[in-house]
């Protein structure tokens, strides 16, 4: 059995690549690159004949993690469940530590992105909130408090 060598990235399919990129750049990620992918490689890997996608790769400033945002040029993207809650099967959130949770939540709210629930605190060690971003992506933001 092959063993995982390292974690590379999380990929998220979005309907509006520019809006999703702006959302995550606003949280502090940096654009590493942007490109189109099509042809035999993509058709084989995705299992979708004659597909074409545009991808933006984002990274943490320290290079510790990457996030791939993709939108399909063809075929059209399929709608997901933008109101999915934490108990729905599948990838439910991406999580980032922030210095100022309330400031991050307030800034996202000013841009029209609201909380899924509320801000919670766990055993005086960290505070967390889920924010629903573009296409219903749930982003978990947390800060250490203890």
N, C-alpha and C. Protein backbone atom coordinates (compact mmCIF):
# COMPACT_ATOMS: atom_id res chain seq x y z
N UNK A 1 0.84 -1.18 0.00
CA UNK A 1 0.00 0.00 0.00
C UNK A 1 0.88 1.24 0.00
N UNK A 2 0.56 2.21 -0.85
CA UNK A 2 1.30 3.47 -0.90
C UNK A 2 0.94 4.32 0.31
N UNK A 3 1.91 5.05 0.81
CA UNK A 3 1.69 5.94 1.95
C UNK A 3 1.74 7.39 1.49
N UNK A 4 0.93 8.21 2.10
CA UNK A 4 0.91 9.63 1.77
C UNK A 4 2.27 10.23 2.09
N UNK A 5 2.79 10.98 1.15
CA UNK A 5 4.09 11.62 1.31
C UNK A 5 3.96 12.99 1.97
N UNK A 6 2.94 13.77 1.53
CA UNK A 6 2.70 15.09 2.13
C UNK A 6 1.31 15.57 1.73
N UNK A 7 0.79 16.51 2.46
CA UNK A 7 -0.48 17.15 2.09
C UNK A 7 -0.16 18.24 1.08
N UNK A 8 -0.94 18.31 -0.01
CA UNK A 8 -0.67 19.31 -1.03
C UNK A 8 -1.69 20.44 -1.04
N UNK A 9 -2.98 20.14 -1.21
CA UNK A 9 -3.98 21.19 -1.26
C UNK A 9 -5.39 20.63 -1.12
N UNK A 10 -6.33 21.54 -0.92
CA UNK A 10 -7.76 21.23 -0.97
C UNK A 10 -8.29 21.93 -2.21
N UNK A 11 -9.11 21.25 -2.98
CA UNK A 11 -9.70 21.83 -4.18
C UNK A 11 -11.18 22.07 -4.00
N UNK A 12 -11.64 23.24 -4.45
CA UNK A 12 -13.05 23.60 -4.34
C UNK A 12 -13.52 24.08 -5.71
N UNK A 13 -14.64 23.53 -6.20
CA UNK A 13 -15.23 23.99 -7.44
C UNK A 13 -16.21 25.11 -7.13
N UNK A 14 -16.09 26.22 -7.85
CA UNK A 14 -16.92 27.40 -7.60
C UNK A 14 -17.56 27.86 -8.91
N UNK A 15 -18.62 28.64 -8.80
CA UNK A 15 -19.28 29.16 -10.00
C UNK A 15 -18.65 30.47 -10.47
N UNK A 16 -18.15 31.29 -9.56
CA UNK A 16 -17.55 32.58 -9.90
C UNK A 16 -16.13 32.61 -9.34
N UNK A 17 -15.17 32.33 -10.20
CA UNK A 17 -13.78 32.21 -9.78
C UNK A 17 -13.24 33.52 -9.22
N UNK A 18 -13.60 34.63 -9.83
CA UNK A 18 -13.10 35.93 -9.36
C UNK A 18 -13.64 36.26 -7.97
N UNK A 19 -14.93 36.02 -7.75
CA UNK A 19 -15.52 36.31 -6.43
C UNK A 19 -14.93 35.41 -5.36
N UNK A 20 -14.77 34.13 -5.65
CA UNK A 20 -14.20 33.20 -4.67
C UNK A 20 -12.74 33.55 -4.38
N UNK A 21 -12.00 33.92 -5.42
CA UNK A 21 -10.60 34.33 -5.23
C UNK A 21 -10.54 35.56 -4.34
N UNK A 22 -11.36 36.55 -4.62
CA UNK A 22 -11.37 37.78 -3.81
C UNK A 22 -11.71 37.47 -2.36
N UNK A 23 -12.64 36.56 -2.13
CA UNK A 23 -13.03 36.17 -0.77
C UNK A 23 -11.84 35.63 -0.01
N UNK A 24 -11.12 34.67 -0.60
CA UNK A 24 -10.00 34.04 0.10
C UNK A 24 -8.77 34.95 0.17
N UNK A 25 -8.56 35.78 -0.83
CA UNK A 25 -7.47 36.76 -0.76
C UNK A 25 -7.77 37.75 0.37
N UNK A 26 -9.05 38.11 0.52
CA UNK A 26 -9.45 38.99 1.62
C UNK A 26 -9.17 38.40 2.99
N UNK A 27 -9.14 37.07 3.07
CA UNK A 27 -8.81 36.41 4.34
C UNK A 27 -7.29 36.31 4.54
N UNK A 28 -6.51 36.65 3.52
CA UNK A 28 -5.06 36.65 3.68
C UNK A 28 -4.29 35.65 2.83
N UNK A 29 -4.99 34.85 2.02
CA UNK A 29 -4.26 33.94 1.13
C UNK A 29 -3.69 34.74 -0.05
N UNK A 30 -2.68 34.18 -0.67
CA UNK A 30 -2.03 34.84 -1.80
C UNK A 30 -2.22 34.01 -3.06
N UNK A 31 -2.39 34.67 -4.20
CA UNK A 31 -2.53 33.97 -5.47
C UNK A 31 -1.15 33.46 -5.89
N UNK A 32 -1.07 32.16 -6.10
CA UNK A 32 0.17 31.53 -6.55
C UNK A 32 0.20 31.46 -8.08
N UNK A 33 -0.96 31.27 -8.68
CA UNK A 33 -1.04 31.19 -10.14
C UNK A 33 -2.46 30.99 -10.60
N UNK A 34 -2.66 31.22 -11.90
CA UNK A 34 -3.98 31.07 -12.51
C UNK A 34 -3.78 30.52 -13.90
N UNK A 35 -4.58 29.51 -14.28
CA UNK A 35 -4.40 28.88 -15.59
C UNK A 35 -5.66 28.15 -16.02
N UNK A 36 -5.71 27.81 -17.31
CA UNK A 36 -6.74 26.94 -17.85
C UNK A 36 -6.14 25.56 -18.03
N UNK A 37 -6.96 24.53 -17.82
CA UNK A 37 -6.53 23.14 -18.05
C UNK A 37 -7.61 22.47 -18.89
N UNK A 38 -7.17 21.77 -19.94
CA UNK A 38 -8.09 20.99 -20.77
C UNK A 38 -7.27 19.92 -21.48
N UNK A 39 -7.97 19.02 -22.15
CA UNK A 39 -7.29 18.00 -22.92
C UNK A 39 -7.36 16.64 -22.24
N UNK A 40 -6.57 15.74 -22.76
CA UNK A 40 -6.62 14.34 -22.34
C UNK A 40 -6.38 14.17 -20.84
N UNK A 41 -5.43 14.93 -20.29
CA UNK A 41 -5.14 14.81 -18.86
C UNK A 41 -6.39 15.09 -18.02
N UNK A 42 -7.02 16.24 -18.23
CA UNK A 42 -8.20 16.61 -17.44
C UNK A 42 -9.36 15.66 -17.70
N UNK A 43 -9.58 15.30 -18.97
CA UNK A 43 -10.66 14.36 -19.29
C UNK A 43 -10.48 13.05 -18.55
N UNK A 44 -9.24 12.58 -18.48
CA UNK A 44 -8.95 11.30 -17.82
C UNK A 44 -9.12 11.41 -16.32
N UNK A 45 -8.53 12.43 -15.72
CA UNK A 45 -8.56 12.55 -14.26
C UNK A 45 -9.97 12.82 -13.76
N UNK A 46 -10.69 13.75 -14.39
CA UNK A 46 -12.04 14.10 -13.94
C UNK A 46 -13.11 13.13 -14.43
N UNK A 47 -12.80 12.40 -15.52
CA UNK A 47 -13.80 11.50 -16.07
C UNK A 47 -14.90 12.23 -16.82
N UNK A 48 -14.60 13.46 -17.27
CA UNK A 48 -15.58 14.27 -18.00
C UNK A 48 -14.98 14.58 -19.37
N UNK A 49 -15.48 13.93 -20.43
CA UNK A 49 -14.93 14.17 -21.77
C UNK A 49 -15.08 15.62 -22.21
N UNK A 50 -14.08 16.11 -22.93
CA UNK A 50 -14.07 17.45 -23.51
C UNK A 50 -14.27 18.55 -22.46
N UNK A 51 -13.68 18.38 -21.29
CA UNK A 51 -13.83 19.37 -20.23
C UNK A 51 -12.74 20.44 -20.32
N UNK A 52 -13.05 21.58 -19.76
CA UNK A 52 -12.09 22.69 -19.67
C UNK A 52 -12.38 23.40 -18.36
N UNK A 53 -11.34 23.68 -17.60
CA UNK A 53 -11.50 24.34 -16.31
C UNK A 53 -10.49 25.45 -16.18
N UNK A 54 -10.86 26.46 -15.41
CA UNK A 54 -9.92 27.52 -15.04
C UNK A 54 -9.64 27.37 -13.56
N UNK A 55 -8.38 27.46 -13.21
CA UNK A 55 -7.95 27.20 -11.83
C UNK A 55 -7.15 28.39 -11.29
N UNK A 56 -7.40 28.72 -10.04
CA UNK A 56 -6.57 29.65 -9.29
C UNK A 56 -6.01 28.89 -8.11
N UNK A 57 -4.70 28.89 -7.96
CA UNK A 57 -4.06 28.26 -6.80
C UNK A 57 -3.69 29.36 -5.83
N UNK A 58 -4.15 29.19 -4.60
CA UNK A 58 -3.87 30.14 -3.52
C UNK A 58 -2.96 29.46 -2.50
N UNK A 59 -2.21 30.26 -1.77
CA UNK A 59 -1.34 29.70 -0.73
C UNK A 59 -1.32 30.61 0.49
N UNK A 60 -0.99 30.00 1.60
CA UNK A 60 -0.75 30.77 2.82
C UNK A 60 0.55 31.53 2.62
N UNK A 61 0.68 32.68 3.26
CA UNK A 61 1.89 33.49 3.11
C UNK A 61 3.14 32.71 3.51
N UNK A 62 3.00 31.81 4.50
CA UNK A 62 4.16 31.03 4.95
C UNK A 62 4.37 29.76 4.14
N UNK A 63 3.51 29.52 3.14
CA UNK A 63 3.65 28.35 2.28
C UNK A 63 3.19 27.05 2.91
N UNK A 64 2.55 27.12 4.08
CA UNK A 64 2.19 25.90 4.81
C UNK A 64 1.01 25.13 4.20
N UNK A 65 0.16 25.79 3.43
CA UNK A 65 -1.00 25.11 2.86
C UNK A 65 -1.43 25.84 1.60
N UNK A 66 -2.13 25.07 0.72
CA UNK A 66 -2.63 25.66 -0.52
C UNK A 66 -4.09 25.30 -0.71
N UNK A 67 -4.78 26.16 -1.44
CA UNK A 67 -6.20 25.99 -1.75
C UNK A 67 -6.37 26.20 -3.24
N UNK A 68 -6.98 25.21 -3.92
CA UNK A 68 -7.22 25.31 -5.35
C UNK A 68 -8.68 25.64 -5.59
N UNK A 69 -8.94 26.74 -6.29
CA UNK A 69 -10.28 27.10 -6.70
C UNK A 69 -10.40 26.83 -8.18
N UNK A 70 -11.47 26.17 -8.60
CA UNK A 70 -11.65 25.83 -10.00
C UNK A 70 -13.08 26.12 -10.43
N UNK A 71 -13.23 26.56 -11.66
CA UNK A 71 -14.55 26.70 -12.26
C UNK A 71 -14.51 26.03 -13.62
N UNK A 72 -15.58 25.36 -13.95
CA UNK A 72 -15.63 24.66 -15.23
C UNK A 72 -16.16 25.57 -16.32
N UNK A 73 -15.39 25.68 -17.40
CA UNK A 73 -15.81 26.41 -18.58
C UNK A 73 -16.75 25.52 -19.39
N UNK A 74 -16.36 24.23 -19.47
CA UNK A 74 -17.23 23.22 -20.06
C UNK A 74 -16.94 21.89 -19.41
N UNK A 75 -17.93 21.10 -19.15
CA UNK A 75 -19.33 21.49 -19.20
C UNK A 75 -19.64 22.47 -18.07
N UNK A 76 -20.85 23.04 -18.11
CA UNK A 76 -21.25 23.93 -17.02
C UNK A 76 -21.14 23.22 -15.68
N UNK A 77 -20.86 24.00 -14.65
CA UNK A 77 -20.79 23.40 -13.32
C UNK A 77 -22.19 22.97 -12.89
N UNK A 78 -22.22 21.98 -12.03
CA UNK A 78 -23.48 21.48 -11.49
C UNK A 78 -23.71 22.13 -10.13
N UNK A 79 -24.94 22.55 -9.86
CA UNK A 79 -25.18 23.18 -8.56
C UNK A 79 -24.98 22.19 -7.43
N UNK A 80 -24.40 22.67 -6.37
CA UNK A 80 -24.23 21.87 -5.17
C UNK A 80 -25.36 22.18 -4.21
N UNK A 81 -25.09 22.07 -2.96
CA UNK A 81 -26.06 22.38 -1.92
C UNK A 81 -25.52 23.58 -1.14
N UNK A 82 -25.77 24.82 -1.61
CA UNK A 82 -25.17 25.99 -0.99
C UNK A 82 -25.64 26.26 0.45
N UNK A 83 -26.68 25.58 0.88
CA UNK A 83 -27.15 25.76 2.26
C UNK A 83 -26.79 24.56 3.13
N UNK A 84 -25.85 23.73 2.68
CA UNK A 84 -25.48 22.51 3.43
C UNK A 84 -25.06 22.85 4.86
N UNK A 85 -25.48 22.01 5.77
CA UNK A 85 -25.10 22.16 7.17
C UNK A 85 -24.01 21.14 7.50
N UNK A 86 -23.46 21.25 8.69
CA UNK A 86 -22.30 20.44 9.09
C UNK A 86 -22.56 18.94 9.07
N UNK A 87 -23.81 18.52 9.15
CA UNK A 87 -24.10 17.08 9.19
C UNK A 87 -24.35 16.49 7.81
N UNK A 88 -24.28 17.29 6.74
CA UNK A 88 -24.44 16.75 5.38
C UNK A 88 -23.13 16.12 4.95
N UNK A 89 -23.24 14.92 4.36
CA UNK A 89 -22.04 14.19 3.96
C UNK A 89 -21.22 14.96 2.93
N UNK A 90 -19.91 14.80 3.00
CA UNK A 90 -19.01 15.45 2.06
C UNK A 90 -18.12 16.44 2.76
N UNK A 91 -17.26 17.09 1.99
CA UNK A 91 -16.36 18.10 2.53
C UNK A 91 -17.20 19.27 3.01
N UNK A 92 -17.13 19.60 4.29
CA UNK A 92 -18.02 20.61 4.83
C UNK A 92 -17.36 21.95 5.09
N UNK A 93 -16.08 22.02 5.33
CA UNK A 93 -15.47 23.32 5.58
C UNK A 93 -13.96 23.28 5.38
N UNK A 94 -13.41 24.45 5.18
CA UNK A 94 -11.97 24.64 5.26
C UNK A 94 -11.76 25.55 6.45
N UNK A 95 -10.66 25.37 7.16
CA UNK A 95 -10.48 26.06 8.42
C UNK A 95 -9.17 26.85 8.44
N UNK A 96 -9.25 28.05 8.99
CA UNK A 96 -8.07 28.92 9.09
C UNK A 96 -8.01 29.56 10.47
N UNK A 97 -6.80 29.64 11.02
CA UNK A 97 -6.60 30.39 12.26
C UNK A 97 -6.41 31.85 11.91
N UNK A 98 -7.04 32.73 12.66
CA UNK A 98 -6.93 34.18 12.46
C UNK A 98 -6.47 34.83 13.76
N UNK A 99 -5.93 36.04 13.66
CA UNK A 99 -5.50 36.78 14.85
C UNK A 99 -6.68 37.43 15.57
N UNK A 100 -7.68 37.87 14.81
CA UNK A 100 -8.81 38.61 15.36
C UNK A 100 -10.10 38.04 14.76
N UNK A 101 -10.70 37.09 15.45
CA UNK A 101 -11.90 36.43 14.94
C UNK A 101 -13.03 37.41 14.70
N UNK A 102 -13.32 38.27 15.68
CA UNK A 102 -14.44 39.19 15.52
C UNK A 102 -14.19 40.15 14.37
N UNK A 103 -12.95 40.62 14.21
CA UNK A 103 -12.62 41.50 13.09
C UNK A 103 -12.81 40.81 11.76
N UNK A 104 -12.41 39.53 11.68
CA UNK A 104 -12.57 38.77 10.44
C UNK A 104 -14.05 38.57 10.13
N UNK A 105 -14.83 38.20 11.14
CA UNK A 105 -16.27 37.98 10.96
C UNK A 105 -16.95 39.29 10.54
N UNK A 106 -16.59 40.39 11.19
CA UNK A 106 -17.19 41.68 10.85
C UNK A 106 -16.84 42.11 9.44
N UNK A 107 -15.58 41.89 9.04
CA UNK A 107 -15.16 42.25 7.69
C UNK A 107 -15.89 41.44 6.63
N UNK A 108 -16.06 40.15 6.88
CA UNK A 108 -16.78 39.30 5.94
C UNK A 108 -18.27 39.66 5.89
N UNK A 109 -18.83 40.01 7.04
CA UNK A 109 -20.24 40.42 7.09
C UNK A 109 -20.44 41.70 6.26
N UNK A 110 -19.48 42.62 6.31
CA UNK A 110 -19.56 43.85 5.52
C UNK A 110 -19.56 43.55 4.03
N UNK A 111 -18.94 42.41 3.65
CA UNK A 111 -18.91 42.00 2.25
C UNK A 111 -20.10 41.10 1.89
N UNK A 112 -21.02 40.89 2.85
CA UNK A 112 -22.22 40.11 2.57
C UNK A 112 -22.13 38.63 2.93
N UNK A 113 -21.09 38.22 3.65
CA UNK A 113 -20.92 36.81 4.03
C UNK A 113 -21.23 36.66 5.51
N UNK A 114 -22.30 35.92 5.82
CA UNK A 114 -22.76 35.82 7.19
C UNK A 114 -22.36 34.56 7.90
N UNK A 115 -22.61 34.55 9.19
CA UNK A 115 -22.34 33.39 10.03
C UNK A 115 -23.35 32.28 9.74
N UNK A 116 -22.89 31.04 9.84
CA UNK A 116 -23.78 29.89 9.74
C UNK A 116 -24.56 29.78 11.05
N UNK A 117 -23.87 29.92 12.16
CA UNK A 117 -24.48 29.87 13.49
C UNK A 117 -24.04 31.10 14.27
N UNK A 118 -23.17 30.89 15.25
CA UNK A 118 -22.65 32.00 16.05
C UNK A 118 -21.19 31.79 16.33
N UNK A 119 -20.64 32.64 17.19
CA UNK A 119 -19.25 32.52 17.62
C UNK A 119 -19.26 31.72 18.92
N UNK A 120 -18.53 30.63 18.94
CA UNK A 120 -18.47 29.78 20.13
C UNK A 120 -17.08 29.76 20.73
N UNK A 121 -17.02 29.49 22.02
CA UNK A 121 -15.72 29.38 22.69
C UNK A 121 -15.62 28.00 23.32
N UNK A 122 -14.47 27.35 23.14
CA UNK A 122 -14.26 26.00 23.63
C UNK A 122 -13.26 26.01 24.79
N UNK A 123 -13.76 25.71 25.98
CA UNK A 123 -12.95 25.51 27.18
C UNK A 123 -11.85 26.55 27.38
N UNK A 124 -12.18 27.81 27.12
CA UNK A 124 -11.24 28.91 27.31
C UNK A 124 -9.93 28.73 26.54
N UNK A 125 -9.97 27.99 25.42
CA UNK A 125 -8.74 27.78 24.65
C UNK A 125 -8.83 28.40 23.25
N UNK A 126 -9.99 28.33 22.61
CA UNK A 126 -10.14 28.96 21.30
C UNK A 126 -11.58 29.32 21.04
N UNK A 127 -11.75 30.31 20.16
CA UNK A 127 -13.06 30.76 19.70
C UNK A 127 -13.18 30.42 18.23
N UNK A 128 -14.38 30.04 17.79
CA UNK A 128 -14.57 29.62 16.40
C UNK A 128 -15.92 30.09 15.88
N UNK A 129 -15.95 30.33 14.56
CA UNK A 129 -17.20 30.66 13.87
C UNK A 129 -17.14 30.06 12.48
N UNK A 130 -18.29 29.64 11.98
CA UNK A 130 -18.43 29.20 10.60
C UNK A 130 -19.03 30.37 9.82
N UNK A 131 -18.40 30.71 8.70
CA UNK A 131 -18.91 31.75 7.80
C UNK A 131 -19.24 31.07 6.47
N UNK A 132 -20.38 31.43 5.90
CA UNK A 132 -20.75 30.87 4.60
C UNK A 132 -20.29 31.84 3.51
N UNK A 133 -19.33 31.36 2.70
CA UNK A 133 -18.74 32.18 1.65
C UNK A 133 -19.39 31.95 0.30
N UNK A 134 -18.68 32.29 -0.78
CA UNK A 134 -19.22 32.11 -2.13
C UNK A 134 -19.66 30.66 -2.38
N UNK A 135 -20.76 30.49 -3.09
CA UNK A 135 -21.30 29.18 -3.43
C UNK A 135 -21.60 28.32 -2.21
N UNK A 136 -21.78 28.96 -1.06
CA UNK A 136 -22.13 28.22 0.15
C UNK A 136 -20.95 27.56 0.84
N UNK A 137 -19.72 27.84 0.40
CA UNK A 137 -18.53 27.25 1.03
C UNK A 137 -18.50 27.66 2.50
N UNK A 138 -18.38 26.68 3.38
CA UNK A 138 -18.30 26.98 4.81
C UNK A 138 -16.82 27.11 5.18
N UNK A 139 -16.48 28.28 5.71
CA UNK A 139 -15.11 28.55 6.14
C UNK A 139 -15.13 28.66 7.66
N UNK A 140 -14.35 27.82 8.30
CA UNK A 140 -14.22 27.82 9.75
C UNK A 140 -13.06 28.75 10.09
N UNK A 141 -13.34 29.76 10.91
CA UNK A 141 -12.30 30.68 11.37
C UNK A 141 -12.18 30.52 12.87
N UNK A 142 -10.95 30.47 13.36
CA UNK A 142 -10.77 30.35 14.82
C UNK A 142 -9.57 31.16 15.28
N UNK A 143 -9.62 31.51 16.57
CA UNK A 143 -8.49 32.19 17.20
C UNK A 143 -8.23 31.56 18.56
N UNK A 144 -6.97 31.49 18.93
CA UNK A 144 -6.60 31.02 20.27
C UNK A 144 -6.88 32.10 21.28
N UNK A 145 -7.41 31.70 22.44
CA UNK A 145 -7.72 32.69 23.48
C UNK A 145 -7.08 32.33 24.81
N UNK A 146 -6.48 31.17 24.92
CA UNK A 146 -5.95 30.75 26.21
C UNK A 146 -4.55 30.47 26.22
